[in-house]
Amino acid sequence: MEVVEEGKVKIFLERFRKYKGPGKREPGFYNPTLEIDRDINVLFCQYIANKGAKYFLDGLASTGIRGIRIAKEVGGDIEVDINDINPKAYELIKKNMRENNVNANALNENLCILLHKKRYDYIDIDPYGSPIPFIPCIFKGIRRKAYASITATDTATLCGVYKKACIRKYHAIPLRLQAVKEIGMRILLGYIAKQSASYDFAFKPMLSFSYSHFFRIYGYFEKGARKANENIAKIGWIYWDNGWKVSKLDELPTINYAGPLWIGELHDVELVKKLKEYLEERNFKRKKELEKYIDLFLEETELPPMYYESSYVAKDLKVKQPKLDKIIEKLKEEGFEAGRNHFDFNSFKTDAPYEEIKRVFV
C-alpha cells in the first residue's frame, strides 16, 4: 500500500498512479496535481468556519483526503462527514481516518440520497467529469445560508471542443475564439446560478479557479425567491465585436457570441484577501505557487470580464508580440485599467477598447 503526505495528513492508497489529467476514476483515486486546490479548500473552510459554518460534507470522497484535511487542519467546533458510495473507497476512508486520528464520520451512501436526509453548511462536490448530476442534490442538503464547492473536469465540453455536448448538457453555446477558459468557467457558473434560481436559491461565486484540466468553484447560496430573481440579472451573453462585449440576457448578440452564461464577478474580494492572510500562517509545499494565484485572483477582482490573448492580438495585427508587462504598462499610462489573470499567463484584462489595444501592440 502506497502512502502520500499532503498538508498535515498521510493518506494510504491501494494503488497509486500519478494522474495528470482526466482518466478513469478508481476507488482510492488520488491526483497529486490537485494538491494546490486542496490547499485552497482548507483555507476556504477555515474562512467559513470562522463565519459560523459547522457541518461539513466531503460528498464524493474517494481516499477521503479532502474531508480528512478539513477535520485535521481547519480546527474549531466543526463536524465533518466523509462519504463515498463505493464500498472499497469507504473502507479506505475509515483506514485513513484512523491513521490520521481525526474525529469525523465515514459514510457509504449515494450522495443524493444522503442530501435528502441531512443538511450541511458546506458541501464539497468533486466528481469525475461533469458535476451536472449532483448539482440539483445540493439544494436538498444545504441550509438556508450555506456554501458549496463544485469541480468540473469536462473542460473540453465547457470550452467548446464539443459544442453540441455543451449545448445539450449546460444549455449554453460556447465560443472557440480566444479566452476559452473564462468562457467555459462562466458557462459553468451560469448553469449553477440557473439551477440555484430554480430552487429559489441565490448564488454568489466566491472563488472561480481554473487549473490544469479542471474548473473549481467555491460559492455561497442563500434561500429566497427575490434574491434568486436578482441573480438572473447576472446571466447574459459575451460576444466578440472588435473587442469583448457583454450584453444582458434579453439582448441577444448576432455574431461571435457565447451564452447564456455568468457575466458577474468571479471572486469575492473579502475572501481572496482572507485567503492571502491565512496562507501566511501555513507551510504548504506549494505555498509560493498558491501565493501567485491568490495575487492574480485579487488582481482580477478589479478588472472587467474576459481576457485578451497576446498571441491572438499580435496575429490579428500581423505584428511581433510585445512583452506582457509592456502591454499592461502602456494601457495604464493611457488611463485604462489593465492587469494579469489566472486563466492564461500570457494574456491580460483591460477596459480599453480594442482600437486602443491595437495601438499598444503597434
Protein backbone atom coordinates (compact mmCIF):
# COMPACT_ATOMS: atom_id res chain seq x y z
CA MET A 1 0.00 0.00 0.00
CA GLU A 2 1.34 3.41 -1.00
CA VAL A 3 1.47 6.40 1.36
CA VAL A 4 1.39 10.06 0.34
CA GLU A 5 1.82 13.10 2.56
CA GLU A 6 -0.13 16.29 2.00
CA GLY A 7 -0.73 19.17 4.36
CA LYS A 8 -0.79 17.68 7.85
CA VAL A 9 -2.05 14.25 6.82
CA LYS A 10 -0.78 10.93 5.47
CA ILE A 11 -3.05 9.11 3.05
CA PHE A 12 -2.89 5.40 2.28
CA LEU A 13 -3.69 4.28 -1.25
CA GLU A 14 -4.43 0.79 -2.53
CA ARG A 15 -2.72 1.60 -5.81
CA PHE A 16 -1.03 4.87 -6.71
CA ARG A 17 -0.62 6.30 -10.18
CA LYS A 18 0.35 9.88 -10.88
CA TYR A 19 -2.76 11.11 -12.67
CA LYS A 20 -2.01 14.25 -14.67
CA GLY A 21 -5.35 14.70 -16.39
CA PRO A 22 -8.78 13.18 -16.89
CA GLY A 23 -8.95 9.43 -16.90
CA LYS A 24 -10.81 6.51 -15.40
CA ARG A 25 -11.52 7.17 -11.75
CA GLU A 26 -10.92 4.21 -9.48
CA PRO A 27 -11.63 3.62 -5.77
CA GLY A 28 -8.91 5.42 -3.86
CA PHE A 29 -8.29 7.84 -6.74
CA TYR A 30 -5.64 10.43 -5.88
CA ASN A 31 -4.36 13.20 -8.14
CA PRO A 32 -1.24 14.98 -6.79
CA THR A 33 -1.69 17.78 -9.34
CA LEU A 34 -4.74 18.98 -7.41
CA GLU A 35 -2.89 19.43 -4.12
CA ILE A 36 -2.94 23.19 -4.71
CA ASP A 37 -6.74 23.17 -4.83
CA ARG A 38 -6.96 21.03 -1.70
CA ASP A 39 -4.79 23.68 -0.02
CA ILE A 40 -7.28 26.34 -1.17
CA ASN A 41 -10.08 24.12 0.13
CA VAL A 42 -8.54 24.10 3.61
CA LEU A 43 -8.18 27.89 3.60
CA PHE A 44 -11.76 28.36 2.33
CA CYS A 45 -13.15 26.04 5.01
CA GLN A 46 -11.15 27.94 7.64
CA TYR A 47 -12.77 31.14 6.37
CA ILE A 48 -16.35 29.84 6.53
CA ALA A 49 -15.76 28.06 9.86
CA ASN A 50 -14.73 31.43 11.28
CA LYS A 51 -18.07 32.75 9.98
CA GLY A 52 -20.00 30.04 11.82
CA ALA A 53 -20.16 27.08 9.42
CA LYS A 54 -20.21 23.87 11.47
CA TYR A 55 -21.42 20.92 9.39
CA PHE A 56 -19.12 19.92 6.50
CA LEU A 57 -19.53 17.17 3.90
CA ASP A 58 -16.94 15.69 1.55
CA GLY A 59 -19.54 14.12 -0.70
CA LEU A 60 -17.52 12.11 -3.27
CA ALA A 61 -14.52 11.44 -1.10
CA SER A 62 -12.56 8.57 -2.72
CA THR A 63 -9.50 8.43 -0.40
CA GLY A 64 -11.10 10.92 1.98
CA ILE A 65 -8.23 13.35 1.68
CA ARG A 66 -10.34 16.50 1.35
CA GLY A 67 -12.52 15.73 4.35
CA ILE A 68 -9.63 14.44 6.45
CA ARG A 69 -7.64 17.60 5.76
CA ILE A 70 -10.65 19.73 6.75
CA ALA A 71 -11.02 17.80 10.01
CA LYS A 72 -7.27 17.90 10.74
CA GLU A 73 -6.31 21.39 9.56
CA VAL A 74 -9.31 23.69 9.97
CA GLY A 75 -9.91 23.17 13.66
CA GLY A 76 -12.66 24.71 15.75
CA ASP A 77 -16.06 23.30 16.61
CA ILE A 78 -16.88 21.60 13.31
CA GLU A 79 -18.32 18.23 12.30
CA VAL A 80 -17.09 16.53 9.13
CA ASP A 81 -18.83 13.74 7.19
CA ILE A 82 -16.73 11.90 4.59
CA ASN A 83 -18.81 9.94 2.10
CA ASP A 84 -18.29 7.64 -0.86
CA ILE A 85 -20.75 5.23 -2.45
CA ASN A 86 -18.02 2.71 -3.33
CA PRO A 87 -17.52 0.09 -0.56
CA LYS A 88 -13.76 -0.17 -1.23
CA ALA A 89 -13.37 3.60 -1.02
CA TYR A 90 -15.42 3.59 2.20
CA GLU A 91 -13.05 1.07 3.82
CA LEU A 92 -10.06 3.12 2.68
CA ILE A 93 -11.60 6.29 4.13
CA LYS A 94 -12.03 4.59 7.50
CA LYS A 95 -8.41 3.43 7.46
CA ASN A 96 -7.15 6.90 6.58
CA MET A 97 -9.27 8.45 9.33
CA ARG A 98 -7.79 6.04 11.88
CA GLU A 99 -4.23 6.58 10.70
CA ASN A 100 -4.62 10.35 10.97
CA ASN A 101 -6.52 10.24 14.26
CA VAL A 102 -9.27 12.56 13.04
CA ASN A 103 -12.71 12.98 14.53
CA ALA A 104 -15.03 12.60 11.53
CA ASN A 105 -17.81 10.34 10.26
CA ALA A 106 -17.25 7.89 7.39
CA LEU A 107 -20.36 7.24 5.28
CA ASN A 108 -21.09 4.77 2.48
CA GLU A 109 -24.13 6.26 0.77
CA ASN A 110 -25.48 7.55 -2.50
CA LEU A 111 -24.72 11.28 -2.28
CA CYS A 112 -28.13 12.48 -3.47
CA ILE A 113 -29.96 10.19 -1.05
CA LEU A 114 -27.72 11.39 1.78
CA LEU A 115 -28.53 15.02 0.96
CA HIS A 116 -32.24 14.29 1.29
CA LYS A 117 -31.61 13.10 4.86
CA LYS A 118 -29.16 15.61 6.30
CA ARG A 119 -28.33 19.29 5.87
CA TYR A 120 -24.93 20.93 5.84
CA ASP A 121 -23.27 24.32 5.96
CA TYR A 122 -20.71 23.22 3.36
CA ILE A 123 -20.83 20.54 0.68
CA ASP A 124 -17.86 19.53 -1.46
CA ILE A 125 -18.77 18.02 -4.85
CA ASP A 126 -15.65 16.69 -6.59
CA PRO A 127 -16.77 14.24 -9.28
CA TYR A 128 -15.01 12.72 -12.24
CA GLY A 129 -16.31 14.54 -15.32
CA SER A 130 -19.36 16.78 -15.13
CA PRO A 131 -20.97 17.85 -11.84
CA ILE A 132 -24.40 18.15 -13.52
CA PRO A 133 -25.95 15.00 -11.92
CA PHE A 134 -25.12 16.26 -8.43
CA ILE A 135 -25.96 19.98 -8.60
CA PRO A 136 -29.75 19.60 -8.02
CA CYS A 137 -28.99 17.44 -4.97
CA ILE A 138 -27.07 20.28 -3.34
CA PHE A 139 -30.27 22.26 -2.77
CA LYS A 140 -31.83 19.41 -0.81
CA GLY A 141 -28.85 19.23 1.54
CA ILE A 142 -27.80 22.80 2.28
CA ARG A 143 -29.14 25.12 4.93
CA ARG A 144 -30.85 28.41 4.07
CA LYS A 145 -27.44 30.10 4.04
CA ALA A 146 -24.64 27.75 3.08
CA TYR A 147 -21.57 27.12 0.94
CA ALA A 148 -20.53 24.56 -1.64
CA SER A 149 -17.53 23.81 -3.81
CA ILE A 150 -18.03 22.19 -7.20
CA THR A 151 -15.45 20.66 -9.53
CA ALA A 152 -15.82 20.10 -13.28
CA THR A 153 -13.24 18.13 -15.26
CA ASP A 154 -15.23 18.10 -18.50
CA THR A 155 -13.48 21.31 -19.52
CA ALA A 156 -13.23 20.27 -23.17
CA THR A 157 -17.02 20.38 -23.33
CA LEU A 158 -17.30 23.67 -21.44
CA CYS A 159 -14.58 25.27 -23.56
CA GLY A 160 -16.30 24.39 -26.81
CA VAL A 161 -14.28 21.46 -28.15
CA TYR A 162 -17.56 19.52 -28.10
CA LYS A 163 -20.03 22.29 -28.90
CA LYS A 164 -23.15 20.14 -29.16
CA ALA A 165 -22.35 18.45 -25.84
CA CYS A 166 -22.04 21.86 -24.18
CA ILE A 167 -25.40 22.97 -25.58
CA ARG A 168 -27.03 19.68 -24.60
CA LYS A 169 -25.62 19.48 -21.07
CA TYR A 170 -25.13 23.09 -19.96
CA HIS A 171 -27.81 24.75 -22.12
CA ALA A 172 -25.26 27.25 -23.39
CA ILE A 173 -23.41 27.97 -26.63
CA PRO A 174 -19.60 28.03 -26.27
CA LEU A 175 -17.22 30.09 -28.40
CA ARG A 176 -13.78 28.99 -29.54
CA LEU A 177 -12.16 32.28 -30.46
CA GLN A 178 -9.92 33.22 -27.56
CA ALA A 179 -10.28 33.29 -23.76
CA VAL A 180 -11.97 29.88 -23.96
CA LYS A 181 -11.19 29.05 -20.32
CA GLU A 182 -13.02 32.06 -18.97
CA ILE A 183 -15.95 31.42 -21.29
CA GLY A 184 -16.08 27.81 -20.09
CA MET A 185 -15.91 28.91 -16.46
CA ARG A 186 -18.70 31.43 -16.98
CA ILE A 187 -20.87 28.80 -18.69
CA LEU A 188 -20.45 26.58 -15.63
CA LEU A 189 -21.19 29.48 -13.26
CA GLY A 190 -24.25 30.40 -15.30
CA TYR A 191 -25.53 26.84 -15.15
CA ILE A 192 -25.13 26.74 -11.36
CA ALA A 193 -26.85 30.12 -11.00
CA LYS A 194 -29.81 28.99 -13.13
CA GLN A 195 -30.14 25.72 -11.23
CA SER A 196 -29.95 27.64 -7.94
CA ALA A 197 -32.71 30.01 -9.03
CA SER A 198 -34.98 27.11 -9.95
CA TYR A 199 -34.80 26.01 -6.29
CA ASP A 200 -35.27 29.61 -5.05
CA PHE A 201 -31.62 29.99 -4.04
CA ALA A 202 -29.41 32.95 -4.89
CA PHE A 203 -25.85 32.05 -5.87
CA LYS A 204 -22.69 34.08 -5.41
CA PRO A 205 -19.32 32.84 -6.73
CA MET A 206 -16.66 33.40 -4.08
CA LEU A 207 -13.73 31.91 -5.97
CA SER A 208 -13.56 30.60 -9.54
CA PHE A 209 -10.37 28.63 -10.11
CA SER A 210 -9.09 27.22 -13.41
CA TYR A 211 -6.09 24.91 -13.13
CA SER A 212 -4.71 22.07 -15.24
CA HIS A 213 -7.71 20.14 -16.63
CA PHE A 214 -10.34 21.28 -14.15
CA PHE A 215 -12.59 24.15 -13.06
CA ARG A 216 -13.31 24.58 -9.37
CA ILE A 217 -15.98 26.91 -7.99
CA TYR A 218 -16.46 27.95 -4.37
CA GLY A 219 -19.86 29.53 -3.88
CA TYR A 220 -22.34 30.93 -1.39
CA PHE A 221 -26.04 30.06 -1.55
CA GLU A 222 -28.93 31.84 0.14
CA LYS A 223 -32.59 30.82 0.11
CA GLY A 224 -35.09 33.37 -1.17
CA ALA A 225 -37.06 33.83 -4.39
CA ARG A 226 -36.47 37.59 -4.52
CA LYS A 227 -32.70 37.22 -4.22
CA ALA A 228 -32.78 34.41 -6.77
CA ASN A 229 -34.60 36.74 -9.17
CA GLU A 230 -31.90 39.37 -8.69
CA ASN A 231 -29.33 36.73 -9.66
CA ILE A 232 -30.85 36.46 -13.13
CA ALA A 233 -29.54 39.96 -13.91
CA LYS A 234 -26.06 38.43 -13.84
CA ILE A 235 -26.88 35.95 -16.61
CA GLY A 236 -26.24 37.22 -20.13
CA TRP A 237 -24.05 36.96 -23.21
CA ILE A 238 -20.42 37.58 -24.07
CA TYR A 239 -19.54 38.33 -27.67
CA TRP A 240 -16.68 39.49 -29.87
CA ASP A 241 -17.29 42.59 -31.98
CA ASN A 242 -13.93 44.31 -32.46
CA GLY A 243 -13.21 43.53 -28.80
CA TRP A 244 -15.02 41.74 -25.98
CA LYS A 245 -18.54 42.96 -25.19
CA VAL A 246 -21.14 41.93 -22.61
CA SER A 247 -24.92 42.07 -23.00
CA LYS A 248 -27.94 41.25 -20.86
CA LEU A 249 -29.98 38.08 -21.25
CA ASP A 250 -32.71 39.80 -23.30
CA GLU A 251 -30.18 41.43 -25.65
CA LEU A 252 -29.06 38.55 -27.87
CA PRO A 253 -25.96 39.38 -29.94
CA THR A 254 -25.88 38.45 -33.61
CA ILE A 255 -22.21 37.45 -34.10
CA ASN A 256 -19.46 35.54 -32.28
CA TYR A 257 -21.39 35.04 -29.04
CA ALA A 258 -21.36 32.64 -26.11
CA GLY A 259 -24.03 32.01 -23.51
CA PRO A 260 -26.26 32.30 -21.69
CA LEU A 261 -23.54 32.50 -19.06
CA TRP A 262 -22.48 34.32 -15.90
CA ILE A 263 -21.49 37.95 -16.54
CA GLY A 264 -20.95 38.90 -12.88
CA GLU A 265 -17.87 38.78 -10.71
CA LEU A 266 -15.73 35.65 -10.46
CA HIS A 267 -14.34 36.17 -6.95
CA ASP A 268 -15.29 37.72 -3.62
CA VAL A 269 -12.72 40.36 -2.61
CA GLU A 270 -13.05 39.77 1.13
CA LEU A 271 -12.49 36.04 0.72
CA VAL A 272 -9.43 36.44 -1.51
CA LYS A 273 -7.83 38.85 0.99
CA LYS A 274 -8.50 36.38 3.80
CA LEU A 275 -7.01 33.51 1.78
CA LYS A 276 -3.84 35.58 1.43
CA GLU A 277 -3.82 36.27 5.17
CA TYR A 278 -4.45 32.64 6.15
CA LEU A 279 -1.82 31.36 3.72
CA GLU A 280 0.89 33.31 5.55
CA GLU A 281 0.25 31.10 8.60
CA ARG A 282 0.55 27.85 6.63
CA ASN A 283 3.52 25.84 5.45
CA PHE A 284 2.09 24.19 2.34
CA LYS A 285 4.56 22.54 -0.04
CA ARG A 286 3.27 24.62 -2.94
CA LYS A 287 2.89 27.84 -0.98
CA LYS A 288 4.76 30.04 -3.47
CA GLU A 289 2.65 28.83 -6.38
CA LEU A 290 -0.53 29.40 -4.39
CA GLU A 291 0.61 32.91 -3.42
CA LYS A 292 0.96 33.70 -7.12
CA TYR A 293 -2.57 32.53 -7.85
CA ILE A 294 -4.10 34.42 -4.94
CA ASP A 295 -2.39 37.62 -6.11
CA LEU A 296 -3.87 37.04 -9.58
CA PHE A 297 -7.35 36.42 -8.12
CA LEU A 298 -7.06 39.74 -6.30
CA GLU A 299 -5.95 41.50 -9.47
CA GLU A 300 -8.90 40.02 -11.39
CA THR A 301 -11.42 41.45 -8.93
CA GLU A 302 -10.58 44.95 -10.18
CA LEU A 303 -10.89 44.10 -13.88
CA PRO A 304 -13.78 43.54 -16.35
CA PRO A 305 -14.92 40.17 -17.74
CA MET A 306 -12.84 38.43 -20.39
CA TYR A 307 -9.15 38.47 -21.20
CA TYR A 308 -7.21 39.13 -24.39
CA GLU A 309 -4.61 36.61 -25.51
CA SER A 310 -1.46 38.49 -26.51
CA SER A 311 -0.74 35.97 -29.26
CA TYR A 312 -4.25 36.40 -30.72
CA VAL A 313 -3.96 40.19 -30.90
CA ALA A 314 -0.46 40.01 -32.41
CA LYS A 315 -1.63 37.51 -35.03
CA ASP A 316 -4.68 39.66 -35.81
CA LEU A 317 -2.42 42.66 -36.44
CA LYS A 318 0.40 40.63 -38.04
CA VAL A 319 2.97 42.11 -35.65
CA LYS A 320 5.50 40.75 -33.19
CA GLN A 321 4.04 40.03 -29.77
CA PRO A 322 5.17 42.61 -27.16
CA LYS A 323 6.10 41.59 -23.62
CA LEU A 324 3.06 41.32 -21.38
CA ASP A 325 4.41 43.77 -18.79
CA LYS A 326 4.87 46.39 -21.51
CA ILE A 327 1.31 45.92 -22.79
CA ILE A 328 -0.15 46.38 -19.32
CA GLU A 329 2.14 49.32 -18.54
CA LYS A 330 1.21 51.18 -21.73
CA LEU A 331 -2.52 50.62 -21.23
CA LYS A 332 -2.28 52.02 -17.70
CA GLU A 333 -0.31 55.01 -18.98
CA GLU A 334 -3.24 55.71 -21.32
CA GLY A 335 -5.58 55.79 -18.32
CA PHE A 336 -7.15 52.34 -18.66
CA GLU A 337 -7.48 49.54 -16.14
CA ALA A 338 -5.25 46.61 -17.09
CA GLY A 339 -3.74 43.56 -15.43
CA ARG A 340 -2.98 39.87 -15.49
CA ASN A 341 -5.35 36.98 -14.86
CA HIS A 342 -5.01 33.41 -13.63
CA PHE A 343 -6.60 31.70 -16.67
CA ASP A 344 -3.73 32.37 -19.07
CA PHE A 345 -0.36 33.78 -18.00
CA ASN A 346 0.24 35.21 -21.50
CA SER A 347 -2.93 37.27 -21.56
CA PHE A 348 -4.33 40.42 -20.00
CA LYS A 349 -7.61 42.02 -18.95
CA THR A 350 -8.47 45.63 -19.64
CA ASP A 351 -11.35 48.05 -20.03
CA ALA A 352 -9.65 49.62 -23.05
CA PRO A 353 -11.45 49.48 -26.42
CA TYR A 354 -9.88 47.11 -28.93
CA GLU A 355 -8.66 50.03 -31.06
CA GLU A 356 -6.61 51.27 -28.09
CA ILE A 357 -5.23 47.77 -27.52
CA LYS A 358 -4.13 47.66 -31.15
CA ARG A 359 -2.21 50.93 -30.75
CA VAL A 360 -0.28 49.44 -27.84
CA PHE A 361 0.76 46.48 -29.99
CA VAL A 362 1.93 48.53 -32.97
